[in-house]
């Protein structure tokens, strides 16, 4: 690769990384706002936010609930770390139930390249990386009838005329984009999750509102399945 091409790539990667950091911070603030609202709305409930889920924890959980099946992992240090963390509802026995798993993705530099008079380049692969976590967290909730996962994506790669949106639709099990799906459908055959993607940035308030609705629906689900008295 020519030196000037290397410098351009370094610069563009730096821009992408800086944008990603800003976007992750906005999701972090949205999650904090969501938790504050949950605590105000449900002052007798206990919540816990974790930044990652280790694969050995996931496998241990699966072995407990599906004892007739075999599970494996390779490295004890391997984990899934969603951008917004994993928010749990905690019952009286200190058992944790996921009510919100959140991600934030920004993808696309061709709008900036156009302003700079540069040619378009291939679209990024942030969505492919997202797919790994979705598979893992769907498995984590295999014994439940909800999938309280949400991903907010923005950037020019997610414009209305972009084929990248079909990659998102595939991960979403062909559910509608920009729609909240918490409860599984068709006897748990479809565990879609919620995928909010568009070209313009998602605001903190928008993300907070969506996250609160997903978390609240999840709380009601656990109340119905395990009994409200086990949490209050």
Protein backbone atom coordinates (compact mmCIF):
# COMPACT_ATOMS: atom_id res chain seq x y z
CA UNK A 1 0.00 0.00 0.00
CA UNK A 2 1.36 3.43 -0.90
CA UNK A 3 2.35 5.67 1.99
CA UNK A 4 -0.30 8.27 1.14
CA UNK A 5 -2.94 5.53 1.07
CA UNK A 6 -1.76 4.32 4.48
CA UNK A 7 -2.00 7.82 5.90
CA UNK A 8 -5.52 8.25 4.48
CA UNK A 9 -6.61 4.92 5.96
CA UNK A 10 -5.15 5.81 9.35
CA UNK A 11 -6.94 9.17 9.27
CA UNK A 12 -10.26 7.63 8.28
CA UNK A 13 -9.97 4.90 10.92
CA UNK A 14 -9.21 7.58 13.50
CA UNK A 15 -12.35 9.48 12.51
CA UNK A 16 -14.42 6.31 12.70
CA UNK A 17 -13.02 5.44 16.14
CA UNK A 18 -13.68 8.93 17.49
CA UNK A 19 -17.25 8.88 16.18
CA UNK A 20 -17.77 5.46 17.75
CA UNK A 21 -16.55 6.72 21.13
CA UNK A 22 -18.94 9.68 21.01
CA UNK A 23 -21.82 7.41 20.03
CA UNK A 24 -21.05 4.95 22.83
CA UNK A 25 -21.01 7.82 25.33
CA UNK A 26 -24.44 8.93 24.15
CA UNK A 27 -25.80 5.41 24.68
CA UNK A 28 -24.17 5.29 28.10
CA UNK A 29 -26.00 8.47 29.07
CA UNK A 30 -29.26 7.10 27.64
CA UNK A 31 -28.90 3.95 29.77
CA UNK A 32 -28.25 6.05 32.88
CA UNK A 33 -31.40 8.06 32.18
CA UNK A 34 -33.35 4.86 31.62
CA UNK A 35 -32.18 3.41 34.95
CA UNK A 36 -33.05 6.61 36.81
CA UNK A 37 -36.57 6.50 35.36
CA UNK A 38 -36.94 2.82 36.26
CA UNK A 39 -35.83 3.52 39.83
CA UNK A 40 -38.29 6.38 40.10
CA UNK A 41 -41.15 4.37 38.56
CA UNK A 42 -40.40 1.17 40.49
CA UNK A 43 -38.69 2.28 43.74
CA UNK A 44 -39.07 -1.13 45.40
CA UNK A 45 -37.29 -3.03 42.63
CA UNK A 46 -33.54 -3.70 42.43
CA UNK A 47 -31.57 -3.29 39.22
CA UNK A 48 -28.02 -4.20 38.30
CA UNK A 49 -25.97 -3.08 35.28
CA UNK A 50 -23.09 -5.28 34.09
CA UNK A 51 -20.71 -4.32 31.30
CA UNK A 52 -20.01 -7.80 29.98
CA UNK A 53 -21.04 -11.44 30.05
CA UNK A 54 -18.24 -14.00 30.11
CA UNK A 55 -18.78 -17.05 27.93
CA UNK A 56 -18.03 -19.40 30.82
CA UNK A 57 -20.89 -17.73 32.74
CA UNK A 58 -23.20 -18.19 29.77
CA UNK A 59 -22.25 -21.85 29.36
CA UNK A 60 -22.68 -22.49 33.09
CA UNK A 61 -26.15 -20.95 32.87
CA UNK A 62 -27.06 -23.12 29.88
CA UNK A 63 -25.78 -26.28 31.57
CA UNK A 64 -28.05 -25.56 34.52
CA UNK A 65 -31.16 -25.06 32.41
CA UNK A 66 -30.52 -27.58 29.63
CA UNK A 67 -28.88 -30.50 31.40
CA UNK A 68 -29.43 -33.00 28.57
CA UNK A 69 -27.35 -30.93 26.12
CA UNK A 70 -23.62 -30.36 25.71
CA UNK A 71 -22.07 -26.90 25.64
CA UNK A 72 -18.51 -25.66 25.27
CA UNK A 73 -16.25 -22.61 25.10
CA UNK A 74 -12.50 -22.23 24.73
CA UNK A 75 -11.08 -19.27 26.63
CA UNK A 76 -12.18 -18.26 30.12
CA UNK A 77 -11.35 -14.65 29.29
CA UNK A 78 -13.73 -14.55 26.29
CA UNK A 79 -16.78 -12.38 26.78
CA UNK A 80 -19.53 -10.39 25.10
CA UNK A 81 -19.45 -6.69 25.91
CA UNK A 82 -22.43 -4.79 24.50
CA UNK A 83 -21.89 -1.04 24.23
CA UNK A 84 -24.66 -0.19 26.69
CA UNK A 85 -24.13 -3.15 28.99
CA UNK A 86 -26.64 -5.67 30.31
CA UNK A 87 -29.31 -4.38 32.67
CA UNK A 88 -30.78 -6.95 35.06
CA UNK A 89 -33.80 -7.09 37.33
CA UNK A 90 -32.78 -8.70 40.64
CA UNK A 91 -35.19 -10.80 42.71
CA UNK A 92 -35.28 -11.35 46.48
CA UNK A 93 -32.92 -14.33 46.17
CA UNK A 94 -30.37 -12.17 44.34
CA UNK A 95 -31.06 -13.94 41.04
CA UNK A 96 -30.69 -11.73 37.96
CA UNK A 97 -32.97 -11.49 34.95
CA UNK A 98 -31.94 -9.53 31.81
CA UNK A 99 -34.35 -6.71 30.99
CA UNK A 100 -32.23 -4.69 28.54
CA UNK A 101 -29.18 -5.45 26.40
CA UNK A 102 -28.10 -2.49 24.28
CA UNK A 103 -25.67 -1.82 21.45
CA UNK A 104 -24.70 1.27 19.42
CA UNK A 105 -23.18 1.16 15.94
CA UNK A 106 -22.05 3.90 13.58
CA UNK A 107 -21.09 2.90 10.05
CA UNK A 108 -20.23 4.78 6.91
CA UNK A 109 -17.74 7.42 5.78
CA UNK A 110 -18.84 7.94 2.18
CA UNK A 111 -20.75 11.10 3.04
CA UNK A 112 -17.55 12.64 4.41
CA UNK A 113 -15.52 11.31 1.48
CA UNK A 114 -17.95 12.98 -0.94
CA UNK A 115 -17.46 16.33 0.77
CA UNK A 116 -13.71 15.83 0.44
CA UNK A 117 -14.03 14.99 -3.26
CA UNK A 118 -13.00 11.37 -2.77
CA UNK A 119 -14.36 8.22 -4.36
CA UNK A 120 -16.74 5.94 -2.52
CA UNK A 121 -15.24 3.02 -0.66
CA UNK A 122 -16.66 -0.36 0.34
CA UNK A 123 -19.18 -0.24 3.14
CA UNK A 124 -18.03 -1.30 6.60
CA UNK A 125 -18.57 -4.51 8.51
CA UNK A 126 -19.90 -3.27 11.85
CA UNK A 127 -23.11 -5.22 11.20
CA UNK A 128 -21.27 -8.52 10.79
CA UNK A 129 -19.60 -7.96 14.17
CA UNK A 130 -22.99 -7.19 15.68
CA UNK A 131 -24.34 -10.54 14.53
CA UNK A 132 -21.98 -12.46 16.85
CA UNK A 133 -23.32 -10.78 19.97
CA UNK A 134 -26.93 -11.22 18.86
CA UNK A 135 -26.41 -14.98 18.50
CA UNK A 136 -24.77 -15.15 21.92
CA UNK A 137 -27.43 -13.18 23.75
CA UNK A 138 -30.28 -15.01 22.03
CA UNK A 139 -28.74 -18.22 23.39
CA UNK A 140 -28.40 -16.63 26.84
CA UNK A 141 -32.17 -16.06 26.89
CA UNK A 142 -33.08 -19.46 25.42
CA UNK A 143 -35.12 -20.40 28.49
CA UNK A 144 -37.22 -17.22 28.34
CA UNK A 145 -39.90 -16.01 25.94
CA UNK A 146 -38.47 -12.52 25.49
CA UNK A 147 -35.39 -11.06 23.84
CA UNK A 148 -34.84 -7.56 25.33
CA UNK A 149 -32.06 -6.63 22.94
CA UNK A 150 -31.81 -3.28 21.15
CA UNK A 151 -29.25 -1.87 18.74
CA UNK A 152 -29.14 1.73 17.59
CA UNK A 153 -27.32 2.24 14.30
CA UNK A 154 -26.65 5.43 12.38
CA UNK A 155 -24.43 6.67 9.57
CA UNK A 156 -24.64 6.98 5.81
CA UNK A 157 -24.40 3.19 5.37
CA UNK A 158 -27.90 3.00 6.88
CA UNK A 159 -29.64 5.41 4.52
CA UNK A 160 -33.01 4.29 3.15
CA UNK A 161 -31.47 3.23 -0.15
CA UNK A 162 -28.64 1.18 1.38
CA UNK A 163 -28.45 -2.59 0.92
CA UNK A 164 -26.78 -2.78 4.35
CA UNK A 165 -30.26 -2.50 5.87
CA UNK A 166 -31.01 -5.99 4.54
CA UNK A 167 -28.08 -7.30 6.59
CA UNK A 168 -29.75 -5.73 9.61
CA UNK A 169 -33.08 -7.29 8.63
CA UNK A 170 -31.43 -10.70 8.43
CA UNK A 171 -30.00 -10.38 11.95
CA UNK A 172 -33.44 -9.18 13.09
CA UNK A 173 -34.99 -12.37 11.72
CA UNK A 174 -36.73 -10.19 9.12
CA UNK A 175 -38.68 -8.17 11.62
CA UNK A 176 -39.41 -4.51 10.86
CA UNK A 177 -36.61 -2.04 11.43
CA UNK A 178 -37.29 0.77 13.93
CA UNK A 179 -39.86 -1.34 15.75
CA UNK A 180 -39.77 -2.66 19.30
CA UNK A 181 -39.90 -6.45 19.58
CA UNK A 182 -39.58 -7.81 23.11
CA UNK A 183 -41.84 -10.87 23.24
CA UNK A 184 -40.90 -13.85 21.09
CA UNK A 185 -43.31 -14.85 18.35
CA UNK A 186 -44.67 -18.05 16.76
CA UNK A 187 -44.02 -20.22 19.82
CA UNK A 188 -40.51 -18.83 20.34
CA UNK A 189 -39.41 -19.56 16.76
CA UNK A 190 -38.76 -15.85 16.21
CA UNK A 191 -36.66 -14.04 18.84
CA UNK A 192 -36.15 -10.84 16.95
CA UNK A 193 -35.03 -8.04 19.19
CA UNK A 194 -35.28 -4.34 18.34
CA UNK A 195 -33.11 -2.73 15.67
CA UNK A 196 -33.27 1.03 15.21
CA UNK A 197 -31.26 2.12 12.17
CA UNK A 198 -31.19 5.31 10.14
CA UNK A 199 -28.73 7.76 8.60
CA UNK A 200 -29.08 10.54 11.18
CA UNK A 201 -27.83 10.20 14.75
CA UNK A 202 -30.08 8.91 17.51
CA UNK A 203 -30.46 11.39 20.35
CA UNK A 204 -30.02 10.50 24.00
CA UNK A 205 -33.70 11.19 24.66
CA UNK A 206 -34.83 8.96 21.80
CA UNK A 207 -32.67 6.09 22.97
CA UNK A 208 -33.71 6.56 26.61
CA UNK A 209 -37.39 6.35 25.70
CA UNK A 210 -36.96 3.18 23.63
CA UNK A 211 -34.76 1.52 26.25
CA UNK A 212 -37.24 2.27 29.03
CA UNK A 213 -40.11 0.71 27.06
CA UNK A 214 -38.11 -2.46 26.41
CA UNK A 215 -37.02 -2.72 30.05
CA UNK A 216 -40.55 -2.13 31.33
CA UNK A 217 -42.05 -4.77 29.02
CA UNK A 218 -39.38 -7.19 30.27
CA UNK A 219 -40.22 -6.44 33.90
CA UNK A 220 -43.90 -7.20 33.30
CA UNK A 221 -42.92 -10.45 31.60
CA UNK A 222 -40.89 -11.61 34.61
CA UNK A 223 -43.70 -10.55 36.96
CA UNK A 224 -46.09 -12.71 34.95
CA UNK A 225 -43.80 -15.74 34.73
CA UNK A 226 -42.18 -15.80 38.17
CA UNK A 227 -44.63 -13.82 40.28
CA UNK A 228 -44.47 -10.14 41.17
CA UNK A 229 -43.98 -10.93 44.86
CA UNK A 230 -40.61 -12.54 44.11
CA UNK A 231 -39.21 -9.17 43.10
CA UNK A 232 -40.91 -6.65 45.40
